[in-house]
Protein backbone atom coordinates (compact mmCIF):
# COMPACT_ATOMS: atom_id res chain seq x y z
CA MET A 1 2.97 5.47 -10.04
CA ARG A 2 5.80 5.71 -7.26
CA ASP A 3 8.69 7.78 -7.75
CA VAL A 4 12.31 7.40 -6.16
CA ALA A 5 11.52 9.71 -3.18
CA TYR A 6 8.74 7.49 -2.20
CA TRP A 7 10.63 4.27 -2.17
CA ASN A 8 13.62 5.80 -0.58
CA LYS A 9 11.11 6.65 2.40
CA PHE A 10 8.74 3.49 2.13
CA SER A 11 11.23 0.39 1.16
CA HIS A 12 10.78 -1.46 4.62
CA ARG A 13 8.97 -4.52 6.21
CA LEU A 14 6.04 -2.40 7.45
CA ASN A 15 4.96 -1.19 3.94
CA ASP A 16 2.58 -4.15 2.66
CA GLU A 17 3.76 -3.03 -1.08
CA VAL A 18 7.21 -4.66 -0.64
CA TRP A 19 5.52 -7.91 0.17
CA ASP A 20 3.03 -7.75 -2.59
CA MET A 21 5.92 -7.45 -4.93
CA ALA A 22 7.69 -10.74 -3.39
CA PRO A 23 7.13 -12.49 -6.79
CA ILE A 24 8.75 -9.75 -8.64
CA ARG A 25 11.76 -10.15 -6.50
CA GLU A 26 11.83 -13.68 -7.11
CA GLU A 27 11.83 -13.20 -10.84
CA LEU A 28 14.74 -10.87 -10.92
CA VAL A 29 16.68 -12.96 -8.58
CA SER A 30 16.45 -16.01 -11.22
CA LEU A 31 17.62 -13.62 -13.88
CA GLY A 32 20.67 -13.07 -12.17
CA VAL A 33 20.08 -9.92 -9.95
CA PRO A 34 21.70 -10.55 -6.74
CA PRO A 35 19.30 -10.83 -3.71
CA GLY A 36 21.18 -8.75 -1.05
CA PRO A 37 20.39 -5.23 -2.56
CA ILE A 38 16.90 -5.92 -3.58
CA THR A 39 15.47 -8.02 -0.55
CA ILE A 40 13.54 -6.98 2.60
CA PRO A 41 13.88 -10.06 5.13
CA HIS A 42 10.79 -11.23 6.47
CA PRO A 43 11.05 -10.53 10.36
CA MET A 44 9.51 -13.66 11.01
CA PRO A 45 9.11 -16.09 8.24
CA GLY A 46 5.79 -18.37 7.83
CA VAL A 47 3.95 -15.48 10.11
CA ARG A 48 1.18 -14.14 8.35
CA MET A 49 1.60 -10.25 7.85
CA ILE A 50 -1.13 -7.53 7.55
CA GLY A 51 -3.68 -8.65 4.95
CA GLY A 52 -2.55 -12.37 5.41
CA ARG A 53 0.57 -12.31 3.40
CA VAL A 54 3.00 -14.78 4.11
CA GLY A 55 6.49 -14.85 2.81
CA ARG A 56 10.41 -14.87 3.33
CA HIS A 57 11.30 -12.04 1.36
CA GLY A 58 10.06 -8.81 0.24
CA LEU A 59 11.11 -6.54 -2.65
CA ASN A 60 13.28 -3.54 -1.68
CA VAL A 61 12.74 -1.21 -4.63
CA SER A 62 14.95 1.32 -3.28
CA GLY A 63 17.63 -1.08 -3.52
CA LEU A 64 16.54 -2.29 -6.74
CA ILE A 65 16.70 1.28 -8.20
CA LYS A 66 20.21 1.88 -6.68
CA TRP A 67 21.45 -1.74 -8.34
CA ALA A 68 19.95 -0.81 -11.61
CA GLN A 69 21.92 2.38 -11.78
CA SER A 70 25.00 0.46 -10.97
CA PRO A 71 27.72 -0.66 -13.13
CA MET A 72 26.97 -4.41 -12.15
CA ALA A 73 23.36 -3.96 -13.74
CA SER A 74 24.82 -3.26 -17.15
CA GLN A 75 27.44 -5.94 -16.65
CA LEU A 76 24.38 -8.57 -16.09
CA LEU A 77 22.51 -7.02 -19.02
CA PHE A 78 25.08 -7.58 -21.30
CA SER A 79 26.52 -11.07 -19.93
CA GLY A 80 26.67 -13.54 -22.70
CA ILE A 81 26.83 -11.21 -25.42
CA HIS A 82 30.08 -11.98 -27.53
CA THR A 83 32.37 -8.86 -27.66
CA ASN A 84 33.53 -9.91 -31.12
CA ARG A 85 32.19 -8.59 -34.51
CA LYS A 86 29.48 -11.53 -34.59
CA GLY A 87 28.44 -10.86 -31.07
CA VAL A 88 27.76 -7.27 -31.89
CA GLU A 89 26.02 -7.73 -35.03
CA ALA A 90 23.73 -10.21 -33.32
CA ALA A 91 22.93 -7.76 -30.43
CA SER A 92 22.02 -5.20 -33.05
CA ARG A 93 19.95 -7.39 -35.39
CA HIS A 94 18.00 -7.85 -32.00
CA LEU A 95 17.62 -4.34 -30.97
CA MET A 96 16.47 -3.65 -34.24
CA SER A 97 13.79 -6.08 -34.43
CA VAL A 98 12.56 -5.11 -31.17
CA ALA A 99 12.67 -1.42 -31.75
CA PHE A 100 10.64 -1.66 -35.06
């Protein structure tokens, strides 16, 4: 429901939404997304935030959007896929199975 303009303005530690999305940040990091661009550090880890939330990191959605548009995102997406013919064929089969 939020657009880029919203996140460019509200990706900061005072926005409760960034703390609500901390589990998404953790999952993205576990999948290989570098934590730096997508992280809003908690100013006082272990201290309760508004609404009783405790966390060490929030999701910087604006940073995630910028990272997702970068060449690094494409590299991560296609990492592990063989560039030879068999790799291309395997990727094509997978894409076809997902599309249909």
